[in-house]
Amino acid sequence: MTLITLLIVLTIERISATGQLWQFDFYYQKLKSLMLNHLGRPQWLESQIGRWVWILLPVLVIAFLSNALDWLLFEFVFDVLVLLICIGCVKQRKLYKSFLNAANRGDDEACQLYAAQLRGLEVVQTQQDETDNTAVVNEDEQSAEVEQSEPVATEPAGTEQGPCENCSLGQTLVWFNFRYYCAVLFWFVSLGPAGAVLYCMVRESADDSDHSISELFTDNQLDKALHILDWLPARVCTAGYLLIGHFTKSAGIWLSYLLDFTSSAKDLVSKIANAAESIDLGDCSNTTEPACMLKLAKRNVLFFLAMVALLTLYGGIK
């Protein structure tokens, strides 16, 4: 049933699950607003135990509901709905689509703008025409014009686990694929819907845009928790890159990271993907490197599904 759930969810997510009701961030923001605004930031949230209770409460609720459903059909529908909400990154997909549209019409400045946004960099638009003090980029229209502005990347936005200015666009897309697909799928297969919710709660809390939640945790506790949750999935995911990409070029890098408990999952995923998919950037267009990396990531998801199918046949997964 796990394999069927994964196939249905990935199919629906690609076709139609683009509304905010199907995004985990929507429910996370609602929960955060309820806790901080409507309840007035309860006192118990200030304690260390209280903070982790806030993280684990949705996980425990999902685990209880999952175990309480005795009918197989209800459990199956519940698993599909939970995984469909946890998986995917609609915002990043829209930005990448806008990047491709800009590349197709030969707008290099717009490509730089969208690439910087995808890599998690704050973008400042400097005006060339003093009479026009604003420049608007429409992400959904192919006819968007950005000729009057120059994108300038400043400090990286987000946490250490997020995209960085040192990564190429293709490596950033591979990282998104890991963070919003592979890692979620791994914890869903390992721990059920509660595992997927646990990973998403820690991920969203660590990447909290206004830091209203992350600032409650001292000593980078959220980053450390996310590092722990990323450690095993990163090595399983990149093992797939070895087998579907250039094994000899990436095997040495993968082995050097195998028992490394300090390096970030982002470094591992981006380096292995870069080694597994050799690209000659000499005469390439703006879209060649990210397109090749994205194809590698998609092949890796199919490889993961094949491994789940084999484990299902041999009784390792129900």
C-alpha atoms as a PDB file:
ATOM      1  CA  MET A   1       0.000   0.000   0.000  1.00  0.00           C
ATOM      2  CA  THR A   2       2.947   2.342   0.609  1.00  0.00           C
ATOM      3  CA  LEU A   3       4.093   2.073  -3.008  1.00  0.00           C
ATOM      4  CA  ILE A   4       0.580   2.749  -4.336  1.00  0.00           C
ATOM      5  CA  THR A   5       0.316   5.757  -2.032  1.00  0.00           C
ATOM      6  CA  LEU A   6       3.589   7.183  -3.329  1.00  0.00           C
ATOM      7  CA  LEU A   7       2.588   6.692  -6.972  1.00  0.00           C
ATOM      8  CA  ILE A   8      -0.816   8.321  -6.518  1.00  0.00           C
ATOM      9  CA  VAL A   9       0.561  11.258  -4.531  1.00  0.00           C
ATOM     10  CA  LEU A  10       3.383  12.006  -6.975  1.00  0.00           C
ATOM     11  CA  THR A  11       0.954  11.836  -9.896  1.00  0.00           C
ATOM     12  CA  ILE A  12      -1.598  14.155  -8.280  1.00  0.00           C
ATOM     13  CA  GLU A  13       1.105  16.558  -7.109  1.00  0.00           C
ATOM     14  CA  ARG A  14       2.449  16.930 -10.639  1.00  0.00           C
ATOM     15  CA  ILE A  15      -0.964  17.426 -12.215  1.00  0.00           C
ATOM     16  CA  SER A  16      -3.215  19.428  -9.941  1.00  0.00           C
ATOM     17  CA  ALA A  17      -2.058  19.920  -6.335  1.00  0.00           C
ATOM     18  CA  THR A  18      -0.949  23.539  -6.724  1.00  0.00           C
ATOM     19  CA  GLY A  19      -3.398  25.393  -4.476  1.00  0.00           C
ATOM     20  CA  GLN A  20      -2.439  26.661  -1.038  1.00  0.00           C
ATOM     21  CA  LEU A  21      -4.694  24.079   0.620  1.00  0.00           C
ATOM     22  CA  TRP A  22      -2.273  21.410  -0.593  1.00  0.00           C
ATOM     23  CA  GLN A  23       0.827  23.130   0.786  1.00  0.00           C
ATOM     24  CA  PHE A  24       2.231  22.291   4.202  1.00  0.00           C
ATOM     25  CA  ASP A  25       3.367  25.882   4.691  1.00  0.00           C
ATOM     26  CA  PHE A  26      -0.287  27.028   4.629  1.00  0.00           C
ATOM     27  CA  TYR A  27      -1.178  24.868   7.634  1.00  0.00           C
ATOM     28  CA  TYR A  28       2.072  25.699   9.383  1.00  0.00           C
ATOM     29  CA  GLN A  29       1.340  29.417   9.136  1.00  0.00           C
ATOM     30  CA  LYS A  30      -2.212  28.861  10.386  1.00  0.00           C
ATOM     31  CA  LEU A  31      -0.921  26.894  13.373  1.00  0.00           C
ATOM     32  CA  LYS A  32       1.715  29.523  14.116  1.00  0.00           C
ATOM     33  CA  SER A  33      -0.835  32.331  13.867  1.00  0.00           C
ATOM     34  CA  LEU A  34      -3.165  30.489  16.230  1.00  0.00           C
ATOM     35  CA  MET A  35      -0.396  29.922  18.729  1.00  0.00           C
ATOM     36  CA  LEU A  36       1.319  33.321  18.672  1.00  0.00           C
ATOM     37  CA  ASN A  37      -1.487  35.710  17.798  1.00  0.00           C
ATOM     38  CA  HIS A  38      -4.764  34.281  19.028  1.00  0.00           C
ATOM     39  CA  LEU A  39      -3.395  32.614  22.156  1.00  0.00           C
ATOM     40  CA  GLY A  40      -1.042  35.498  22.919  1.00  0.00           C
ATOM     41  CA  ARG A  41       2.169  33.448  22.929  1.00  0.00           C
ATOM     42  CA  PRO A  42       1.367  31.184  25.900  1.00  0.00           C
ATOM     43  CA  GLN A  43       3.878  31.067  28.733  1.00  0.00           C
ATOM     44  CA  TRP A  44       4.556  27.367  28.364  1.00  0.00           C
ATOM     45  CA  LEU A  45       5.936  28.083  24.883  1.00  0.00           C
ATOM     46  CA  GLU A  46       8.865  29.889  26.504  1.00  0.00           C
ATOM     47  CA  SER A  47      10.178  26.696  28.085  1.00  0.00           C
ATOM     48  CA  GLN A  48      12.375  24.246  26.199  1.00  0.00           C
ATOM     49  CA  ILE A  49       9.902  21.406  26.670  1.00  0.00           C
ATOM     50  CA  GLY A  50       7.041  23.624  25.558  1.00  0.00           C
ATOM     51  CA  ARG A  51       8.798  24.526  22.314  1.00  0.00           C
ATOM     52  CA  TRP A  52       9.310  20.908  21.371  1.00  0.00           C
ATOM     53  CA  VAL A  53       5.733  20.104  22.384  1.00  0.00           C
ATOM     54  CA  TRP A  54       4.652  22.710  19.827  1.00  0.00           C
ATOM     55  CA  ILE A  55       6.767  20.952  17.170  1.00  0.00           C
ATOM     56  CA  LEU A  56       5.659  17.444  18.108  1.00  0.00           C
ATOM     57  CA  LEU A  57       1.962  18.107  18.780  1.00  0.00           C
ATOM     58  CA  PRO A  58       0.885  17.876  15.100  1.00  0.00           C
ATOM     59  CA  VAL A  59       3.049  14.771  14.737  1.00  0.00           C
ATOM     60  CA  LEU A  60       1.347  13.087  17.681  1.00  0.00           C
ATOM     61  CA  VAL A  61      -2.099  14.023  16.367  1.00  0.00           C
ATOM     62  CA  ILE A  62      -1.312  12.545  12.944  1.00  0.00           C
ATOM     63  CA  ALA A  63       0.148   9.406  14.549  1.00  0.00           C
ATOM     64  CA  PHE A  64      -2.970   8.981  16.707  1.00  0.00           C
ATOM     65  CA  LEU A  65      -5.346   9.411  13.767  1.00  0.00           C
ATOM     66  CA  SER A  66      -3.307   7.044  11.632  1.00  0.00           C
ATOM     67  CA  ASN A  67      -3.407   4.319  14.283  1.00  0.00           C
ATOM     68  CA  ALA A  68      -7.074   4.961  15.088  1.00  0.00           C
ATOM     69  CA  LEU A  69      -8.201   4.250  11.515  1.00  0.00           C
ATOM     70  CA  ASP A  70      -9.007   0.541  11.456  1.00  0.00           C
ATOM     71  CA  TRP A  71     -10.527   0.399   7.995  1.00  0.00           C
ATOM     72  CA  LEU A  72      -7.875  -0.023   5.340  1.00  0.00           C
ATOM     73  CA  LEU A  73      -9.602   2.312   2.871  1.00  0.00           C
ATOM     74  CA  PHE A  74      -9.789   5.168   5.392  1.00  0.00           C
ATOM     75  CA  GLU A  75      -6.133   4.657   6.320  1.00  0.00           C
ATOM     76  CA  PHE A  76      -5.156   4.704   2.646  1.00  0.00           C
ATOM     77  CA  VAL A  77      -7.051   7.944   1.926  1.00  0.00           C
ATOM     78  CA  PHE A  78      -5.626   9.522   5.084  1.00  0.00           C
ATOM     79  CA  ASP A  79      -2.056   8.625   4.079  1.00  0.00           C
ATOM     80  CA  VAL A  80      -2.578  10.051   0.584  1.00  0.00           C
ATOM     81  CA  LEU A  81      -3.956  13.336   1.916  1.00  0.00           C
ATOM     82  CA  VAL A  82      -1.193  13.795   4.501  1.00  0.00           C
ATOM     83  CA  LEU A  83       1.631  12.998   2.070  1.00  0.00           C
ATOM     84  CA  LEU A  84       0.064  15.186  -0.625  1.00  0.00           C
ATOM     85  CA  ILE A  85       0.135  18.128   1.791  1.00  0.00           C
ATOM     86  CA  CYS A  86       3.683  17.429   2.977  1.00  0.00           C
ATOM     87  CA  ILE A  87       5.294  16.983  -0.426  1.00  0.00           C
ATOM     88  CA  GLY A  88       6.065  19.545  -3.100  1.00  0.00           C
ATOM     89  CA  CYS A  89       7.357  23.099  -3.510  1.00  0.00           C
ATOM     90  CA  VAL A  90       4.924  25.085  -5.637  1.00  0.00           C
ATOM     91  CA  LYS A  91       6.620  28.441  -5.074  1.00  0.00           C
ATOM     92  CA  GLN A  92       9.982  27.186  -6.335  1.00  0.00           C
ATOM     93  CA  ARG A  93       8.353  25.424  -9.280  1.00  0.00           C
ATOM     94  CA  LYS A  94       6.665  28.673 -10.351  1.00  0.00           C
ATOM     95  CA  LEU A  95       9.937  30.554 -10.108  1.00  0.00           C
ATOM     96  CA  TYR A  96      11.708  27.927 -12.216  1.00  0.00           C
ATOM     97  CA  LYS A  97       8.922  28.046 -14.792  1.00  0.00           C
ATOM     98  CA  SER A  98       9.325  31.828 -14.945  1.00  0.00           C
ATOM     99  CA  PHE A  99      13.086  31.321 -15.356  1.00  0.00           C
ATOM    100  CA  LEU A 100      12.469  29.037 -18.332  1.00  0.00           C
ATOM    101  CA  ASN A 101      10.019  31.510 -19.865  1.00  0.00           C
ATOM    102  CA  ALA A 102      12.576  34.298 -19.524  1.00  0.00           C
ATOM    103  CA  ALA A 103      15.261  32.107 -21.089  1.00  0.00           C
ATOM    104  CA  ASN A 104      13.001  31.233 -24.014  1.00  0.00           C
ATOM    105  CA  ARG A 105      12.470  34.898 -24.834  1.00  0.00           C
ATOM    106  CA  GLY A 106      16.192  35.669 -24.414  1.00  0.00           C
ATOM    107  CA  ASP A 107      15.813  37.890 -21.351  1.00  0.00           C
ATOM    108  CA  ASP A 108      19.122  37.347 -19.516  1.00  0.00           C
ATOM    109  CA  GLU A 109      18.390  39.926 -16.799  1.00  0.00           C
ATOM    110  CA  ALA A 110      15.136  38.195 -15.889  1.00  0.00           C
ATOM    111  CA  CYS A 111      16.967  34.854 -15.832  1.00  0.00           C
ATOM    112  CA  GLN A 112      19.461  36.268 -13.345  1.00  0.00           C
ATOM    113  CA  LEU A 113      16.638  37.639 -11.244  1.00  0.00           C
ATOM    114  CA  TYR A 114      14.731  34.361 -11.045  1.00  0.00           C
ATOM    115  CA  ALA A 115      17.920  32.347 -10.533  1.00  0.00           C
ATOM    116  CA  ALA A 116      18.886  34.568  -7.587  1.00  0.00           C
ATOM    117  CA  GLN A 117      15.432  34.157  -6.056  1.00  0.00           C
ATOM    118  CA  LEU A 118      15.592  30.399  -6.466  1.00  0.00           C
ATOM    119  CA  ARG A 119      18.997  30.308  -4.796  1.00  0.00           C
ATOM    120  CA  GLY A 120      17.566  32.103  -1.777  1.00  0.00           C
ATOM    121  CA  LEU A 121      19.232  35.459  -2.359  1.00  0.00           C
ATOM    122  CA  GLU A 122      17.550  38.743  -1.650  1.00  0.00           C
ATOM    123  CA  VAL A 123      17.214  40.707  -4.864  1.00  0.00           C
ATOM    124  CA  VAL A 124      17.451  44.474  -5.103  1.00  0.00           C
ATOM    125  CA  GLN A 125      16.294  46.119  -8.299  1.00  0.00           C
ATOM    126  CA  THR A 126      18.239  49.254  -9.259  1.00  0.00           C
ATOM    127  CA  GLN A 127      16.419  51.597 -11.611  1.00  0.00           C
ATOM    128  CA  GLN A 128      18.042  52.837 -14.807  1.00  0.00           C
ATOM    129  CA  ASP A 129      15.216  55.243 -15.563  1.00  0.00           C
ATOM    130  CA  GLU A 130      14.715  57.923 -12.899  1.00  0.00           C
ATOM    131  CA  THR A 131      11.149  58.520 -14.059  1.00  0.00           C
ATOM    132  CA  ASP A 132      10.197  54.947 -13.216  1.00  0.00           C
ATOM    133  CA  ASN A 133      10.665  54.140  -9.542  1.00  0.00           C
ATOM    134  CA  THR A 134       9.216  50.662  -9.641  1.00  0.00           C
ATOM    135  CA  ALA A 135       9.825  47.519 -11.649  1.00  0.00           C
ATOM    136  CA  VAL A 136       7.304  44.708 -11.500  1.00  0.00           C
ATOM    137  CA  VAL A 137       8.063  41.149 -12.467  1.00  0.00           C
ATOM    138  CA  ASN A 138       5.009  38.955 -13.068  1.00  0.00           C
ATOM    139  CA  GLU A 139       5.893  35.344 -12.285  1.00  0.00           C
ATOM    140  CA  ASP A 140       2.914  33.879 -14.086  1.00  0.00           C
ATOM    141  CA  GLU A 141       3.059  35.729 -17.420  1.00  0.00           C
ATOM    142  CA  GLN A 142       5.558  34.939 -20.118  1.00  0.00           C
ATOM    143  CA  SER A 143       5.393  38.541 -21.334  1.00  0.00           C
ATOM    144  CA  ALA A 144       6.788  40.006 -18.124  1.00  0.00           C
ATOM    145  CA  GLU A 145       9.310  42.790 -18.791  1.00  0.00           C
ATOM    146  CA  VAL A 146      12.341  43.480 -16.623  1.00  0.00           C
ATOM    147  CA  GLU A 147      14.501  45.539 -18.976  1.00  0.00           C
ATOM    148  CA  GLN A 148      14.416  48.574 -16.685  1.00  0.00           C
ATOM    149  CA  SER A 149      15.915  46.834 -13.672  1.00  0.00           C
ATOM    150  CA  GLU A 150      19.107  45.048 -12.788  1.00  0.00           C
ATOM    151  CA  PRO A 151      18.950  42.236 -10.213  1.00  0.00           C
ATOM    152  CA  VAL A 152      21.593  42.559  -7.522  1.00  0.00           C
ATOM    153  CA  ALA A 153      22.031  39.657  -5.092  1.00  0.00           C
ATOM    154  CA  THR A 154      22.743  40.572  -1.492  1.00  0.00           C
ATOM    155  CA  GLU A 155      23.076  38.432   1.610  1.00  0.00           C
ATOM    156  CA  PRO A 156      21.611  34.941   1.467  1.00  0.00           C
ATOM    157  CA  ALA A 157      18.177  34.524   2.962  1.00  0.00           C
ATOM    158  CA  GLY A 158      17.224  31.618   5.179  1.00  0.00           C
ATOM    159  CA  THR A 159      19.172  29.207   7.320  1.00  0.00           C
ATOM    160  CA  GLU A 160      22.391  27.318   6.674  1.00  0.00           C
ATOM    161  CA  GLN A 161      20.309  24.400   5.458  1.00  0.00           C
ATOM    162  CA  GLY A 162      18.766  26.462   2.666  1.00  0.00           C
ATOM    163  CA  PRO A 163      20.069  27.488  -0.757  1.00  0.00           C
ATOM    164  CA  CYS A 164      23.275  29.504  -0.901  1.00  0.00           C
ATOM    165  CA  GLU A 165      25.057  31.854  -3.233  1.00  0.00           C
ATOM    166  CA  ASN A 166      27.891  29.357  -3.830  1.00  0.00           C
ATOM    167  CA  CYS A 167      25.588  26.768  -5.417  1.00  0.00           C
ATOM    168  CA  SER A 168      24.706  26.736  -9.091  1.00  0.00           C
ATOM    169  CA  LEU A 169      21.061  26.875 -10.099  1.00  0.00           C
ATOM    170  CA  GLY A 170      21.113  23.193 -10.983  1.00  0.00           C
ATOM    171  CA  GLN A 171      22.547  22.248  -7.590  1.00  0.00           C
ATOM    172  CA  THR A 172      19.877  24.386  -5.923  1.00  0.00           C
ATOM    173  CA  LEU A 173      17.139  22.551  -7.823  1.00  0.00           C
ATOM    174  CA  VAL A 174      18.612  19.212  -6.747  1.00  0.00           C
ATOM    175  CA  TRP A 175      18.620  20.456  -3.149  1.00  0.00           C
ATOM    176  CA  PHE A 176      14.961  21.464  -3.449  1.00  0.00           C
ATOM    177  CA  ASN A 177      14.178  18.022  -4.813  1.00  0.00           C
ATOM    178  CA  PHE A 178      15.846  16.439  -1.807  1.00  0.00           C
ATOM    179  CA  ARG A 179      14.293  18.717   0.798  1.00  0.00           C
ATOM    180  CA  TYR A 180      10.725  18.762  -0.529  1.00  0.00           C
ATOM    181  CA  TYR A 181      10.514  15.314  -2.091  1.00  0.00           C
ATOM    182  CA  CYS A 182      13.185  12.727  -1.250  1.00  0.00           C
ATOM    183  CA  ALA A 183      13.517  13.462   2.460  1.00  0.00           C
ATOM    184  CA  VAL A 184       9.735  13.618   2.913  1.00  0.00           C
ATOM    185  CA  LEU A 185       9.287  10.349   1.019  1.00  0.00           C
ATOM    186  CA  PHE A 186      12.039   8.701   3.054  1.00  0.00           C
ATOM    187  CA  TRP A 187      10.466   9.559   6.402  1.00  0.00           C
ATOM    188  CA  PHE A 188       7.000   8.651   5.133  1.00  0.00           C
ATOM    189  CA  VAL A 189       8.221   5.209   4.090  1.00  0.00           C
ATOM    190  CA  SER A 190      10.161   4.799   7.362  1.00  0.00           C
ATOM    191  CA  LEU A 191       7.681   6.173   9.928  1.00  0.00           C
ATOM    192  CA  GLY A 192       4.426   6.649   8.065  1.00  0.00           C
ATOM    193  CA  PRO A 193       2.522   9.952   7.786  1.00  0.00           C
ATOM    194  CA  ALA A 194       3.737  11.049  11.217  1.00  0.00           C
ATOM    195  CA  GLY A 195       7.331  10.843   9.985  1.00  0.00           C
ATOM    196  CA  ALA A 196       6.570  13.091   7.015  1.00  0.00           C
ATOM    197  CA  VAL A 197       4.843  15.643   9.258  1.00  0.00           C
ATOM    198  CA  LEU A 198       7.738  15.557  11.729  1.00  0.00           C
ATOM    199  CA  TYR A 199      10.255  16.393   9.027  1.00  0.00           C
ATOM    200  CA  CYS A 200       8.080  19.159   7.579  1.00  0.00           C
ATOM    201  CA  MET A 201       7.454  20.737  10.991  1.00  0.00           C
ATOM    202  CA  VAL A 202      11.167  20.888  11.804  1.00  0.00           C
ATOM    203  CA  ARG A 203      12.008  22.110   8.291  1.00  0.00           C
ATOM    204  CA  GLU A 204       9.416  24.887   8.281  1.00  0.00           C
ATOM    205  CA  SER A 205      10.304  25.963  11.817  1.00  0.00           C
ATOM    206  CA  ALA A 206      14.008  26.159  10.949  1.00  0.00           C
ATOM    207  CA  ASP A 207      13.254  28.133   7.775  1.00  0.00           C
ATOM    208  CA  ASP A 208      10.672  30.388   9.442  1.00  0.00           C
ATOM    209  CA  SER A 209      10.726  33.628   7.442  1.00  0.00           C
ATOM    210  CA  ASP A 210       9.954  36.012  10.302  1.00  0.00           C
ATOM    211  CA  HIS A 211      11.941  33.978  12.884  1.00  0.00           C
ATOM    212  CA  SER A 212       9.020  34.130  15.326  1.00  0.00           C
ATOM    213  CA  ILE A 213       9.419  30.422  16.041  1.00  0.00           C
ATOM    214  CA  SER A 214      13.105  29.835  15.341  1.00  0.00           C
ATOM    215  CA  GLU A 215      14.110  32.624  17.738  1.00  0.00           C
ATOM    216  CA  LEU A 216      12.488  30.691  20.594  1.00  0.00           C
ATOM    217  CA  PHE A 217      15.011  27.883  20.179  1.00  0.00           C
ATOM    218  CA  THR A 218      18.478  28.572  21.545  1.00  0.00           C
ATOM    219  CA  ASP A 219      21.821  27.158  20.398  1.00  0.00           C
ATOM    220  CA  ASN A 220      20.543  26.441  16.865  1.00  0.00           C
ATOM    221  CA  GLN A 221      18.465  23.563  18.161  1.00  0.00           C
ATOM    222  CA  LEU A 222      16.218  23.511  15.105  1.00  0.00           C
ATOM    223  CA  ASP A 223      19.164  23.457  12.718  1.00  0.00           C
ATOM    224  CA  LYS A 224      20.703  20.600  14.684  1.00  0.00           C
ATOM    225  CA  ALA A 225      17.429  18.664  14.647  1.00  0.00           C
ATOM    226  CA  LEU A 226      17.069  19.216  10.897  1.00  0.00           C
ATOM    227  CA  HIS A 227      20.682  18.135  10.403  1.00  0.00           C
ATOM    228  CA  ILE A 228      19.905  14.868  12.202  1.00  0.00           C
ATOM    229  CA  LEU A 229      16.738  14.300  10.156  1.00  0.00           C
ATOM    230  CA  ASP A 230      18.631  15.018   6.919  1.00  0.00           C
ATOM    231  CA  TRP A 231      21.656  12.842   7.670  1.00  0.00           C
ATOM    232  CA  LEU A 232      20.361   9.388   6.699  1.00  0.00           C
ATOM    233  CA  PRO A 233      18.019  10.464   3.843  1.00  0.00           C
ATOM    234  CA  ALA A 234      20.856  12.456   2.257  1.00  0.00           C
ATOM    235  CA  ARG A 235      23.073   9.393   2.099  1.00  0.00           C
ATOM    236  CA  VAL A 236      20.277   7.168   0.802  1.00  0.00           C
ATOM    237  CA  CYS A 237      19.279   9.760  -1.798  1.00  0.00           C
ATOM    238  CA  THR A 238      22.821  10.363  -3.025  1.00  0.00           C
ATOM    239  CA  ALA A 239      23.434   6.617  -3.221  1.00  0.00           C
ATOM    240  CA  GLY A 240      20.842   6.685  -5.978  1.00  0.00           C
ATOM    241  CA  TYR A 241      22.877   9.331  -7.806  1.00  0.00           C
ATOM    242  CA  LEU A 242      25.822   6.928  -7.811  1.00  0.00           C
ATOM    243  CA  LEU A 243      23.824   4.251  -9.582  1.00  0.00           C
ATOM    244  CA  ILE A 244      21.972   6.396 -12.121  1.00  0.00           C
ATOM    245  CA  GLY A 245      24.837   8.827 -12.804  1.00  0.00           C
ATOM    246  CA  HIS A 246      28.623   8.675 -13.170  1.00  0.00           C
ATOM    247  CA  PHE A 247      29.516   6.141 -10.488  1.00  0.00           C
ATOM    248  CA  THR A 248      33.310   6.423 -10.681  1.00  0.00           C
ATOM    249  CA  LYS A 249      33.299  10.228 -10.363  1.00  0.00           C
ATOM    250  CA  SER A 250      30.881  10.385  -7.435  1.00  0.00           C
ATOM    251  CA  ALA A 251      31.664   7.220  -5.452  1.00  0.00           C
ATOM    252  CA  GLY A 252      34.786   8.652  -3.803  1.00  0.00           C
ATOM    253  CA  ILE A 253      32.930  11.780  -2.686  1.00  0.00           C
ATOM    254  CA  TRP A 254      30.035   9.717  -1.335  1.00  0.00           C
ATOM    255  CA  LEU A 255      32.354   7.446   0.666  1.00  0.00           C
ATOM    256  CA  SER A 256      34.136  10.456   2.163  1.00  0.00           C
ATOM    257  CA  TYR A 257      30.779  11.732   3.462  1.00  0.00           C
ATOM    258  CA  LEU A 258      29.418   8.339   4.515  1.00  0.00           C
ATOM    259  CA  LEU A 259      30.388   8.586   8.199  1.00  0.00           C
ATOM    260  CA  ASP A 260      30.708  12.356   8.296  1.00  0.00           C
ATOM    261  CA  PHE A 261      28.331  13.656  10.967  1.00  0.00           C
ATOM    262  CA  THR A 262      29.320  17.316  10.713  1.00  0.00           C
ATOM    263  CA  SER A 263      28.992  18.312   7.056  1.00  0.00           C
ATOM    264  CA  SER A 264      25.605  19.590   5.965  1.00  0.00           C
ATOM    265  CA  ALA A 265      23.269  17.557   3.811  1.00  0.00           C
ATOM    266  CA  LYS A 266      23.218  20.440   1.333  1.00  0.00           C
ATOM    267  CA  ASP A 267      26.951  20.060   0.664  1.00  0.00           C
ATOM    268  CA  LEU A 268      26.638  16.311   0.218  1.00  0.00           C
ATOM    269  CA  VAL A 269      23.641  16.441  -2.116  1.00  0.00           C
ATOM    270  CA  SER A 270      24.985  19.263  -4.283  1.00  0.00           C
ATOM    271  CA  LYS A 271      28.499  17.799  -4.627  1.00  0.00           C
ATOM    272  CA  ILE A 272      27.337  14.263  -5.389  1.00  0.00           C
ATOM    273  CA  ALA A 273      24.790  15.497  -7.921  1.00  0.00           C
ATOM    274  CA  ASN A 274      27.408  17.686  -9.593  1.00  0.00           C
ATOM    275  CA  ALA A 275      29.801  14.731  -9.856  1.00  0.00           C
ATOM    276  CA  ALA A 276      27.113  12.286 -10.991  1.00  0.00           C
ATOM    277  CA  GLU A 277      25.929  14.516 -13.839  1.00  0.00           C
ATOM    278  CA  SER A 278      28.941  15.839 -15.709  1.00  0.00           C
ATOM    279  CA  ILE A 279      28.015  18.873 -17.794  1.00  0.00           C
ATOM    280  CA  ASP A 280      30.251  20.759 -20.185  1.00  0.00           C
ATOM    281  CA  LEU A 281      29.274  24.376 -19.596  1.00  0.00           C
ATOM    282  CA  GLY A 282      31.448  25.719 -22.408  1.00  0.00           C
ATOM    283  CA  ASP A 283      28.757  26.230 -25.032  1.00  0.00           C
ATOM    284  CA  CYS A 284      25.692  25.722 -22.854  1.00  0.00           C
ATOM    285  CA  SER A 285      22.686  28.015 -22.550  1.00  0.00           C
ATOM    286  CA  ASN A 286      21.234  29.290 -19.271  1.00  0.00           C
ATOM    287  CA  THR A 287      18.856  26.345 -19.065  1.00  0.00           C
ATOM    288  CA  THR A 288      21.248  23.462 -19.842  1.00  0.00           C
ATOM    289  CA  GLU A 289      22.779  22.936 -16.396  1.00  0.00           C
ATOM    290  CA  PRO A 290      19.555  23.274 -14.357  1.00  0.00           C
ATOM    291  CA  ALA A 291      17.626  21.112 -16.858  1.00  0.00           C
ATOM    292  CA  CYS A 292      20.223  18.321 -16.660  1.00  0.00           C
ATOM    293  CA  MET A 293      20.304  18.454 -12.869  1.00  0.00           C
ATOM    294  CA  LEU A 294      16.527  18.398 -12.700  1.00  0.00           C
ATOM    295  CA  LYS A 295      16.393  15.350 -14.948  1.00  0.00           C
ATOM    296  CA  LEU A 296      18.917  13.652 -12.656  1.00  0.00           C
ATOM    297  CA  ALA A 297      16.751  14.426  -9.622  1.00  0.00           C
ATOM    298  CA  LYS A 298      13.635  13.078 -11.346  1.00  0.00           C
ATOM    299  CA  ARG A 299      15.435   9.879 -12.304  1.00  0.00           C
ATOM    300  CA  ASN A 300      16.512   9.523  -8.703  1.00  0.00           C
ATOM    301  CA  VAL A 301      12.894   9.740  -7.507  1.00  0.00           C
ATOM    302  CA  LEU A 302      12.020   6.947  -9.945  1.00  0.00           C
ATOM    303  CA  PHE A 303      14.971   4.941  -8.607  1.00  0.00           C
ATOM    304  CA  PHE A 304      13.648   5.478  -5.061  1.00  0.00           C
ATOM    305  CA  LEU A 305      10.231   4.194  -6.137  1.00  0.00           C
ATOM    306  CA  ALA A 306      11.891   1.137  -7.686  1.00  0.00           C
ATOM    307  CA  MET A 307      13.672   0.415  -4.391  1.00  0.00           C
ATOM    308  CA  VAL A 308      10.382   0.758  -2.499  1.00  0.00           C
ATOM    309  CA  ALA A 309       8.793  -1.668  -4.986  1.00  0.00           C
ATOM    310  CA  LEU A 310      11.558  -4.225  -4.404  1.00  0.00           C
ATOM    311  CA  LEU A 311      11.263  -3.887  -0.617  1.00  0.00           C
ATOM    312  CA  THR A 312       7.506  -4.306  -0.937  1.00  0.00           C
ATOM    313  CA  LEU A 313       7.893  -7.504  -2.967  1.00  0.00           C
ATOM    314  CA  TYR A 314      10.298  -8.976  -0.413  1.00  0.00           C
ATOM    315  CA  GLY A 315       8.180  -7.972   2.565  1.00  0.00           C
ATOM    316  CA  GLY A 316      10.377  -5.168   3.862  1.00  0.00           C
ATOM    317  CA  ILE A 317       7.626  -2.582   3.415  1.00  0.00           C
ATOM    318  CA  LYS A 318       3.887  -3.080   3.661  1.00  0.00           C
END
